[in-house]
C-alpha cells in the first residue's frame, strides 16, 4: 500500500475507534428491540396458524357443524332470551378470520425484522448472523414457500425476500464470514432471482429495494475496508466495485423517478442526490479513486440538480408534518452542495437561523457516509462559531 493511503486508513480507523463505543451501544439497543419484535411475530404466527387450522377443519365438516349449532340453539333459546332481559347492554368484538393472506403478512413482518437485524450486525457478530440465517432457513422459509404458492402476495413476498437475502449477504461479509468475491456473487444472485420477473421494472417498491441494497453493499465493503490492510492495486479494484454498485443504485432510483404518480417522488430525488455525494466521496482519503476525482465537479452539480428537484416537488405539498422535516433536509443538502461548490453563504445562513435543525441534518449526513472526514473537518473549522460543534 502506498504510504499516503496507509496513513489515511490509520487516521480513519482512529476516528472509527473513537466512535465505536457509541455505535456499538446503538446497535445493541436496536438488536434487542428487533429480537423482541421477532419473538412477538413468531408467537403471533403460531396462534394464527392454530386459528387457521381450526377454521379449515370447521369448513371441512359443515353438516356436523350445522347440526350441532341447530341443537344448541333450540336447547338454549329460552335461556338466552331470559339472559338478555336480565343483563345490561354489552360490547362485542368481531374477529376477522385468519386467511392465507393474514399468515403471509405476518411472515412478511418477520422477514423485514430479520432484514433489520442484519443491518445492525457488526464485525464481531458472526454467531448472531448464523442464528439469523438459521432462523430464516429452518423456520421462516418453509412457511413462506408453503403459503405464498399461488397467492396474490407471491410477487410482493419475493421482493421482500430479495431484500432480506441481500442484507444477509452484507451481514455475512461485514462479519468476515465471506470474502469479497463470494459476497458479490451472493449479493448479485439474490438480486438476480427476481430481476427479470414481469412488471418489476415498473414497481417502485422493487426498484427502491434494489437501490437501497446496492447502497448497503457499498457500506458493507467500506466498513470491512477500513479495518483491513489492502494493497494499492487491491484498493483500486475495490473502488471500481463500489463505484459500480453506487451507480447501479442511482440508475434504479432514476428509473423509479420516471414512474407516474409516486407518493414519495421527493424522497427518491433526495436519494439520487445522495448517490452522487457517495460517488464524489470516493475521491477523498483514504480511497483516492481517480475516476471520482476527475468527475467530482460534475457529481456535485448532479447532486444539486437532484436536491433541487426534490425541493420543487416538496414546494407543492407540505400538508404532512413529515414533509416539513424533509423540506429542512433538502434545504441543508442544497446549502451544503453550494458550499462544496465554493458558496458557503447559504449554509451559514441556515446555521444562524436554524442551528439545531441544521446541525442534526449535517450529523445525519455524516452517519449516512455522505460527508468525508475531510469535508466534516472543514465544516467544523469554518462553521464552529455558528453551530457550536
Protein backbone atom coordinates (compact mmCIF):
# COMPACT_ATOMS: atom_id res chain seq x y z
CA UNK A 1 0.00 0.00 0.00
CA UNK A 2 1.26 3.48 -0.76
CA UNK A 3 2.26 5.40 2.37
CA UNK A 4 -0.32 8.11 1.71
CA UNK A 5 -3.17 5.61 1.64
CA UNK A 6 -1.75 3.75 4.61
CA UNK A 7 -1.67 6.87 6.78
CA UNK A 8 -5.14 7.84 5.65
CA UNK A 9 -6.52 4.46 6.66
CA UNK A 10 -4.82 4.73 10.06
CA UNK A 11 -6.34 8.17 10.66
CA UNK A 12 -9.77 6.98 9.60
CA UNK A 13 -9.53 3.89 11.80
CA UNK A 14 -8.65 6.11 14.78
CA UNK A 15 -11.83 8.12 14.19
CA UNK A 16 -13.85 4.90 13.96
CA UNK A 17 -12.37 3.62 17.22
CA UNK A 18 -13.32 6.86 18.98
CA UNK A 19 -16.95 6.43 17.92
CA UNK A 20 -17.09 2.65 18.26
CA UNK A 21 -18.49 2.68 21.81
CA UNK A 22 -21.45 4.86 20.85
CA UNK A 23 -22.14 2.97 17.62
CA UNK A 24 -21.92 -0.42 19.37
CA UNK A 25 -24.33 0.73 22.06
CA UNK A 26 -26.87 1.89 19.46
CA UNK A 27 -26.51 -1.37 17.56
CA UNK A 28 -27.04 -3.42 20.71
CA UNK A 29 -30.17 -1.46 21.61
CA UNK A 30 -31.55 -1.85 18.09
CA UNK A 31 -30.69 -5.56 18.05
CA UNK A 32 -32.54 -6.10 21.33
CA UNK A 33 -35.60 -4.30 20.01
CA UNK A 34 -35.62 -6.29 16.75
CA UNK A 35 -35.26 -9.58 18.66
CA UNK A 36 -38.27 -8.68 20.80
CA UNK A 37 -40.25 -7.79 17.68
CA UNK A 38 -39.27 -11.05 16.01
CA UNK A 39 -40.37 -13.05 19.05
CA UNK A 40 -43.77 -11.30 19.04
CA UNK A 41 -44.25 -12.01 15.34
CA UNK A 42 -43.35 -15.69 15.82
CA UNK A 43 -45.88 -16.05 18.65
CA UNK A 44 -48.46 -14.25 16.54
CA UNK A 45 -47.84 -16.55 13.56
CA UNK A 46 -48.15 -19.67 15.73
CA UNK A 47 -51.55 -18.54 17.07
CA UNK A 48 -52.71 -17.52 13.61
CA UNK A 49 -51.76 -20.94 12.24
CA UNK A 50 -53.77 -22.61 15.02
CA UNK A 51 -56.80 -20.47 14.23
CA UNK A 52 -56.41 -21.09 10.50
CA UNK A 53 -56.25 -24.86 11.08
CA UNK A 54 -59.41 -24.78 13.23
CA UNK A 55 -61.21 -22.74 10.58
CA UNK A 56 -60.23 -25.18 7.85
CA UNK A 57 -61.39 -28.13 9.95
CA UNK A 58 -64.74 -26.44 10.58
CA UNK A 59 -65.24 -25.83 6.87
CA UNK A 60 -64.34 -29.43 6.08
CA UNK A 61 -67.35 -30.77 8.10
CA UNK A 62 -70.20 -28.29 7.50
CA UNK A 63 -73.06 -30.78 8.06
CA UNK A 64 -71.90 -31.80 11.52
CA UNK A 65 -71.23 -28.20 12.45
CA UNK A 66 -74.66 -27.06 11.26
CA UNK A 67 -76.50 -29.85 13.12
CA UNK A 68 -74.63 -29.07 16.31
CA UNK A 69 -75.44 -25.40 16.02
CA UNK A 70 -79.15 -26.14 15.48
CA UNK A 71 -79.43 -28.40 18.53
CA UNK A 72 -77.52 -25.91 20.64
CA UNK A 73 -79.82 -23.10 19.52
CA UNK A 74 -83.05 -24.99 20.35
CA UNK A 75 -81.77 -26.06 23.75
CA UNK A 76 -80.79 -22.63 24.94
CA UNK A 77 -83.29 -20.38 23.16
CA UNK A 78 -85.32 -19.63 26.27
CA UNK A 79 -82.23 -19.26 28.45
CA UNK A 80 -80.72 -16.72 26.08
CA UNK A 81 -83.96 -14.71 25.98
CA UNK A 82 -84.11 -14.52 29.78
CA UNK A 83 -80.41 -13.64 29.98
CA UNK A 84 -80.84 -10.79 27.53
CA UNK A 85 -83.69 -9.34 29.65
CA UNK A 86 -81.66 -9.61 32.86
CA UNK A 87 -78.26 -8.34 31.69
CA UNK A 88 -77.26 -4.78 30.75
CA UNK A 89 -76.02 -3.91 27.26
CA UNK A 90 -72.63 -5.44 26.38
CA UNK A 91 -69.93 -4.67 23.82
CA UNK A 92 -68.73 -7.37 21.48
CA UNK A 93 -65.67 -7.52 19.24
CA UNK A 94 -65.68 -9.15 15.83
CA UNK A 95 -62.59 -11.17 14.97
CA UNK A 96 -61.63 -11.32 11.33
CA UNK A 97 -60.96 -14.86 10.12
CA UNK A 98 -57.35 -15.86 9.59
CA UNK A 99 -56.58 -16.39 5.90
CA UNK A 100 -53.51 -17.29 3.88
CA UNK A 101 -53.01 -13.56 3.25
CA UNK A 102 -53.02 -12.95 7.01
CA UNK A 103 -50.33 -15.59 7.52
CA UNK A 104 -48.24 -14.11 4.71
CA UNK A 105 -48.49 -10.62 6.21
CA UNK A 106 -47.01 -11.95 9.45
CA UNK A 107 -44.30 -13.84 7.54
CA UNK A 108 -43.51 -10.62 5.70
CA UNK A 109 -43.18 -8.76 9.01
CA UNK A 110 -40.73 -11.41 10.23
CA UNK A 111 -38.70 -11.16 7.02
CA UNK A 112 -38.46 -7.38 7.37
CA UNK A 113 -37.42 -7.75 11.02
CA UNK A 114 -34.70 -10.26 10.10
CA UNK A 115 -33.50 -7.83 7.43
CA UNK A 116 -33.35 -5.07 10.03
CA UNK A 117 -31.38 -7.39 12.33
CA UNK A 118 -28.87 -7.97 9.54
CA UNK A 119 -28.34 -4.23 9.18
CA UNK A 120 -27.19 -3.77 12.80
CA UNK A 121 -24.65 -6.60 12.87
CA UNK A 122 -21.02 -5.60 13.30
CA UNK A 123 -17.74 -7.35 12.60
CA UNK A 124 -17.90 -9.33 15.86
CA UNK A 125 -21.44 -10.67 15.33
CA UNK A 126 -20.64 -13.81 13.32
CA UNK A 127 -22.62 -16.09 15.68
CA UNK A 128 -25.60 -13.74 15.56
CA UNK A 129 -25.57 -13.75 11.75
CA UNK A 130 -25.57 -17.56 11.73
CA UNK A 131 -28.61 -17.52 14.03
CA UNK A 132 -30.42 -15.10 11.71
CA UNK A 133 -29.65 -17.34 8.73
CA UNK A 134 -30.79 -20.43 10.62
CA UNK A 135 -34.00 -18.73 11.75
CA UNK A 136 -34.82 -18.00 8.14
CA UNK A 137 -33.80 -21.30 6.55
CA UNK A 138 -35.15 -23.63 9.24
CA UNK A 139 -38.26 -21.79 10.36
CA UNK A 140 -39.47 -18.98 8.10
CA UNK A 141 -38.58 -20.02 4.54
CA UNK A 142 -40.61 -23.29 4.62
CA UNK A 143 -43.67 -21.35 5.79
CA UNK A 144 -43.23 -18.69 3.11
CA UNK A 145 -42.92 -21.33 0.39
CA UNK A 146 -45.97 -23.14 1.76
CA UNK A 147 -48.25 -20.11 2.00
CA UNK A 148 -47.08 -17.95 -0.92
CA UNK A 149 -47.59 -20.53 -3.66
CA UNK A 150 -50.39 -19.27 -5.94
CA UNK A 151 -51.07 -16.39 -3.55
CA UNK A 152 -51.77 -12.84 -4.68
CA UNK A 153 -48.88 -11.76 -2.44
CA UNK A 154 -46.35 -14.10 -4.05
CA UNK A 155 -44.60 -11.34 -6.03
CA UNK A 156 -44.58 -8.96 -3.05
CA UNK A 157 -43.10 -11.62 -0.76
CA UNK A 158 -40.44 -12.43 -3.38
CA UNK A 159 -39.31 -8.79 -3.42
CA UNK A 160 -39.10 -8.65 0.40
CA UNK A 161 -37.23 -11.96 0.39
CA UNK A 162 -34.75 -10.50 -2.12
CA UNK A 163 -34.12 -7.56 0.22
CA UNK A 164 -33.52 -9.91 3.15
CA UNK A 165 -31.15 -12.27 1.31
CA UNK A 166 -29.14 -9.28 0.04
CA UNK A 167 -28.99 -7.87 3.59
CA UNK A 168 -27.88 -11.27 4.90
CA UNK A 169 -25.07 -11.35 2.32
CA UNK A 170 -23.96 -7.90 3.55
CA UNK A 171 -24.01 -9.07 7.18
CA UNK A 172 -22.02 -12.19 6.33
CA UNK A 173 -19.37 -10.05 4.65
CA UNK A 174 -19.18 -7.49 7.46
CA UNK A 175 -18.55 -10.32 9.94
CA UNK A 176 -15.79 -11.76 7.71
CA UNK A 177 -17.81 -14.91 7.05
CA UNK A 178 -17.18 -14.49 3.32
CA UNK A 179 -14.59 -12.78 1.14
CA UNK A 180 -15.35 -10.03 -1.37
CA UNK A 181 -15.68 -12.36 -4.37
CA UNK A 182 -18.17 -14.64 -2.60
CA UNK A 183 -20.02 -11.64 -1.21
CA UNK A 184 -20.58 -10.09 -4.61
CA UNK A 185 -21.71 -13.45 -6.02
CA UNK A 186 -24.23 -13.97 -3.19
CA UNK A 187 -25.47 -10.41 -3.48
CA UNK A 188 -25.91 -10.49 -7.26
CA UNK A 189 -27.59 -13.88 -7.04
CA UNK A 190 -30.11 -12.54 -4.51
CA UNK A 191 -30.97 -9.56 -6.70
CA UNK A 192 -30.98 -11.65 -9.88
CA UNK A 193 -33.57 -14.15 -8.63
CA UNK A 194 -36.44 -11.73 -9.29
CA UNK A 195 -34.73 -9.19 -11.56
CA UNK A 196 -36.48 -10.36 -14.72
CA UNK A 197 -39.89 -11.03 -13.17
CA UNK A 198 -42.75 -9.43 -15.16
CA UNK A 199 -43.77 -5.96 -14.05
CA UNK A 200 -40.95 -5.29 -11.60
CA UNK A 201 -39.32 -2.65 -13.82
CA UNK A 202 -42.44 -0.55 -13.12
CA UNK A 203 -42.64 -1.44 -9.42
CA UNK A 204 -41.34 1.43 -7.30
CA UNK A 205 -41.01 -0.80 -4.23
CA UNK A 206 -38.77 -3.26 -6.07
CA UNK A 207 -36.65 -0.51 -7.68
CA UNK A 208 -36.18 1.20 -4.32
CA UNK A 209 -35.28 -2.07 -2.59
CA UNK A 210 -32.62 -2.86 -5.20
CA UNK A 211 -31.28 0.70 -4.98
CA UNK A 212 -31.13 0.56 -1.17
CA UNK A 213 -29.49 -2.87 -1.28
CA UNK A 214 -26.69 -1.58 -3.50
CA UNK A 215 -26.03 1.25 -1.06
CA UNK A 216 -25.89 -1.35 1.74
CA UNK A 217 -23.41 -3.33 -0.37
CA UNK A 218 -21.17 -0.28 -0.61
CA UNK A 219 -21.48 0.40 3.13
CA UNK A 220 -20.51 -3.19 3.98
CA UNK A 221 -17.44 -3.02 1.73
CA UNK A 222 -16.37 0.29 3.25
CA UNK A 223 -16.79 -0.95 6.82
CA UNK A 224 -14.67 -4.02 6.12
CA UNK A 225 -12.19 -1.97 4.07
CA UNK A 226 -11.50 0.49 6.88
CA UNK A 227 -10.47 -2.37 9.17
CA UNK A 228 -8.25 -4.13 6.63
CA UNK A 229 -4.87 -3.54 5.08
CA UNK A 230 -5.37 -3.61 1.31
CA UNK A 231 -2.54 -3.09 -1.22
CA UNK A 232 -2.96 -0.12 -3.55
CA UNK A 233 -3.79 -2.35 -6.53
CA UNK A 234 -6.43 -4.11 -4.45
CA UNK A 235 -7.86 -0.77 -3.35
CA UNK A 236 -8.30 0.26 -6.99
CA UNK A 237 -10.35 -2.90 -7.63
CA UNK A 238 -12.48 -2.28 -4.55
CA UNK A 239 -13.05 1.35 -5.58
CA UNK A 240 -14.24 0.27 -9.03
CA UNK A 241 -16.62 -2.23 -7.44
CA UNK A 242 -18.03 0.35 -5.05
CA UNK A 243 -18.46 2.87 -7.87
CA UNK A 244 -20.35 0.25 -9.87
CA UNK A 245 -22.80 -0.53 -7.08
CA UNK A 246 -23.46 3.09 -6.17
CA UNK A 247 -24.07 3.79 -9.87
CA UNK A 248 -26.47 0.82 -10.00
CA UNK A 249 -28.34 2.33 -7.07
CA UNK A 250 -28.53 5.70 -8.84
CA UNK A 251 -29.86 4.01 -12.00
CA UNK A 252 -32.63 2.26 -10.07
CA UNK A 253 -33.66 5.46 -8.28
CA UNK A 254 -33.69 7.24 -11.64
CA UNK A 255 -35.91 4.52 -13.13
CA UNK A 256 -38.25 4.86 -10.15
CA UNK A 257 -38.38 8.67 -10.56
CA UNK A 258 -39.77 8.23 -14.08
CA UNK A 259 -42.84 6.32 -12.91
CA UNK A 260 -46.12 8.23 -12.68
CA UNK A 261 -47.99 9.35 -9.56
CA UNK A 262 -45.36 8.49 -6.99
CA UNK A 263 -46.23 9.50 -3.42
CA UNK A 264 -42.53 9.56 -2.45
CA UNK A 265 -41.03 11.22 -5.53
CA UNK A 266 -39.24 13.87 -3.47
CA UNK A 267 -37.58 11.20 -1.33
CA UNK A 268 -36.41 9.39 -4.48
CA UNK A 269 -34.83 12.60 -5.81
CA UNK A 270 -33.12 13.04 -2.43
CA UNK A 271 -31.70 9.53 -2.74
CA UNK A 272 -30.40 10.31 -6.23
CA UNK A 273 -28.52 13.29 -4.84
CA UNK A 274 -27.16 11.14 -2.01
CA UNK A 275 -25.77 8.65 -4.53
CA UNK A 276 -23.82 11.42 -6.24
CA UNK A 277 -22.33 12.55 -2.91
CA UNK A 278 -21.34 8.94 -2.18
CA UNK A 279 -19.57 8.68 -5.53
CA UNK A 280 -17.87 12.06 -5.01
CA UNK A 281 -16.70 10.93 -1.57
CA UNK A 282 -14.61 8.19 -3.18
CA UNK A 283 -12.27 10.95 -4.38
CA UNK A 284 -11.22 11.75 -0.80
CA UNK A 285 -8.87 9.93 1.51
CA UNK A 286 -8.49 7.14 2.29
CA UNK A 287 -9.94 5.95 -1.04
CA UNK A 288 -8.43 8.42 -3.54
CA UNK A 289 -10.31 6.97 -6.50
CA UNK A 290 -9.09 8.64 -9.69
CA UNK A 291 -12.40 8.45 -11.59
CA UNK A 292 -14.23 10.08 -8.68
CA UNK A 293 -11.60 12.83 -8.54
CA UNK A 294 -11.94 13.52 -12.26
CA UNK A 295 -15.74 13.56 -12.03
CA UNK A 296 -16.10 15.36 -8.71
CA UNK A 297 -17.30 18.71 -10.11
CA UNK A 298 -19.95 17.01 -12.25
CA UNK A 299 -21.07 14.77 -9.38
CA UNK A 300 -21.58 17.74 -7.06
CA UNK A 301 -23.51 19.57 -9.80
CA UNK A 302 -25.71 16.49 -10.31
CA UNK A 303 -26.40 16.31 -6.58
CA UNK A 304 -27.51 19.96 -6.65
CA UNK A 305 -29.88 19.21 -9.57
CA UNK A 306 -31.45 16.21 -7.81
CA UNK A 307 -31.83 18.03 -4.48
CA UNK A 308 -33.36 20.93 -6.40
CA UNK A 309 -35.87 18.53 -8.00
CA UNK A 310 -36.81 17.25 -4.54
CA UNK A 311 -37.26 20.84 -3.34
CA UNK A 312 -39.55 21.60 -6.26
CA UNK A 313 -41.75 18.56 -5.56
CA UNK A 314 -41.99 19.40 -1.85
CA UNK A 315 -42.91 23.01 -2.54
CA UNK A 316 -46.20 21.80 -3.99
CA UNK A 317 -47.39 19.95 -0.89
CA UNK A 318 -46.43 20.41 2.75
CA UNK A 319 -49.65 19.16 4.34
CA UNK A 320 -47.88 16.34 6.23
CA UNK A 321 -45.61 17.33 9.18
CA UNK A 322 -43.07 14.78 7.93
CA UNK A 323 -42.88 16.73 4.68
CA UNK A 324 -41.67 19.76 6.63
CA UNK A 325 -38.82 17.70 8.10
CA UNK A 326 -37.90 16.56 4.59
CA UNK A 327 -38.05 20.18 3.47
CA UNK A 328 -35.47 21.08 6.12
CA UNK A 329 -33.30 18.19 4.93
CA UNK A 330 -33.47 19.39 1.34
CA UNK A 331 -32.55 22.92 2.39
CA UNK A 332 -29.50 21.72 4.32
CA UNK A 333 -28.34 19.48 1.47
CA UNK A 334 -28.76 22.20 -1.12
CA UNK A 335 -26.80 24.61 1.09
CA UNK A 336 -24.08 22.02 1.71
CA UNK A 337 -23.69 21.29 -2.00
CA UNK A 338 -23.44 25.03 -2.65
CA UNK A 339 -20.71 25.14 -0.01
CA UNK A 340 -18.85 22.32 -1.75
CA UNK A 341 -19.01 24.46 -4.89
CA UNK A 342 -17.40 27.38 -3.05
CA UNK A 343 -20.55 29.21 -1.87
CA UNK A 344 -20.89 28.71 1.92
CA UNK A 345 -23.28 31.66 2.48
CA UNK A 346 -26.48 29.57 2.35
CA UNK A 347 -25.19 27.09 4.91
CA UNK A 348 -24.04 29.88 7.21
CA UNK A 349 -27.48 31.47 6.97
CA UNK A 350 -29.16 28.18 7.89
CA UNK A 351 -26.81 27.65 10.82
CA UNK A 352 -27.64 31.09 12.14
CA UNK A 353 -31.39 30.81 11.53
CA UNK A 354 -31.99 27.14 12.42
CA UNK A 355 -28.85 25.94 14.22
CA UNK A 356 -30.36 22.85 15.88
CA UNK A 357 -32.16 21.52 12.79
CA UNK A 358 -29.15 22.19 10.58
CA UNK A 359 -26.73 20.52 12.97
CA UNK A 360 -28.95 17.43 13.22
CA UNK A 361 -29.21 17.10 9.45
CA UNK A 362 -25.46 17.52 8.97
CA UNK A 363 -24.80 14.88 11.64
CA UNK A 364 -27.25 12.55 9.89
CA UNK A 365 -25.44 13.08 6.58
CA UNK A 366 -22.16 12.18 8.26
CA UNK A 367 -23.66 8.98 9.68
CA UNK A 368 -25.01 8.10 6.23
CA UNK A 369 -21.44 8.42 4.84
CA UNK A 370 -22.39 11.37 2.60
CA UNK A 371 -19.60 13.52 4.05
CA UNK A 372 -15.96 12.52 4.05
CA UNK A 373 -13.86 13.19 7.14
CA UNK A 374 -12.14 15.96 5.19
CA UNK A 375 -15.46 17.67 4.44
CA UNK A 376 -16.66 17.21 8.01
CA UNK A 377 -13.44 18.74 9.38
CA UNK A 378 -13.90 21.71 7.06
CA UNK A 379 -17.45 22.20 8.33
CA UNK A 380 -16.25 22.10 11.94
CA UNK A 381 -13.44 24.55 11.22
CA UNK A 382 -15.36 27.12 9.22
CA UNK A 383 -18.73 26.93 10.94
CA UNK A 384 -17.78 26.20 14.55
CA UNK A 385 -18.95 29.58 15.94
CA UNK A 386 -22.34 29.30 14.24
CA UNK A 387 -23.23 25.71 15.01
CA UNK A 388 -21.41 25.03 18.28
CA UNK A 389 -19.95 21.63 17.39
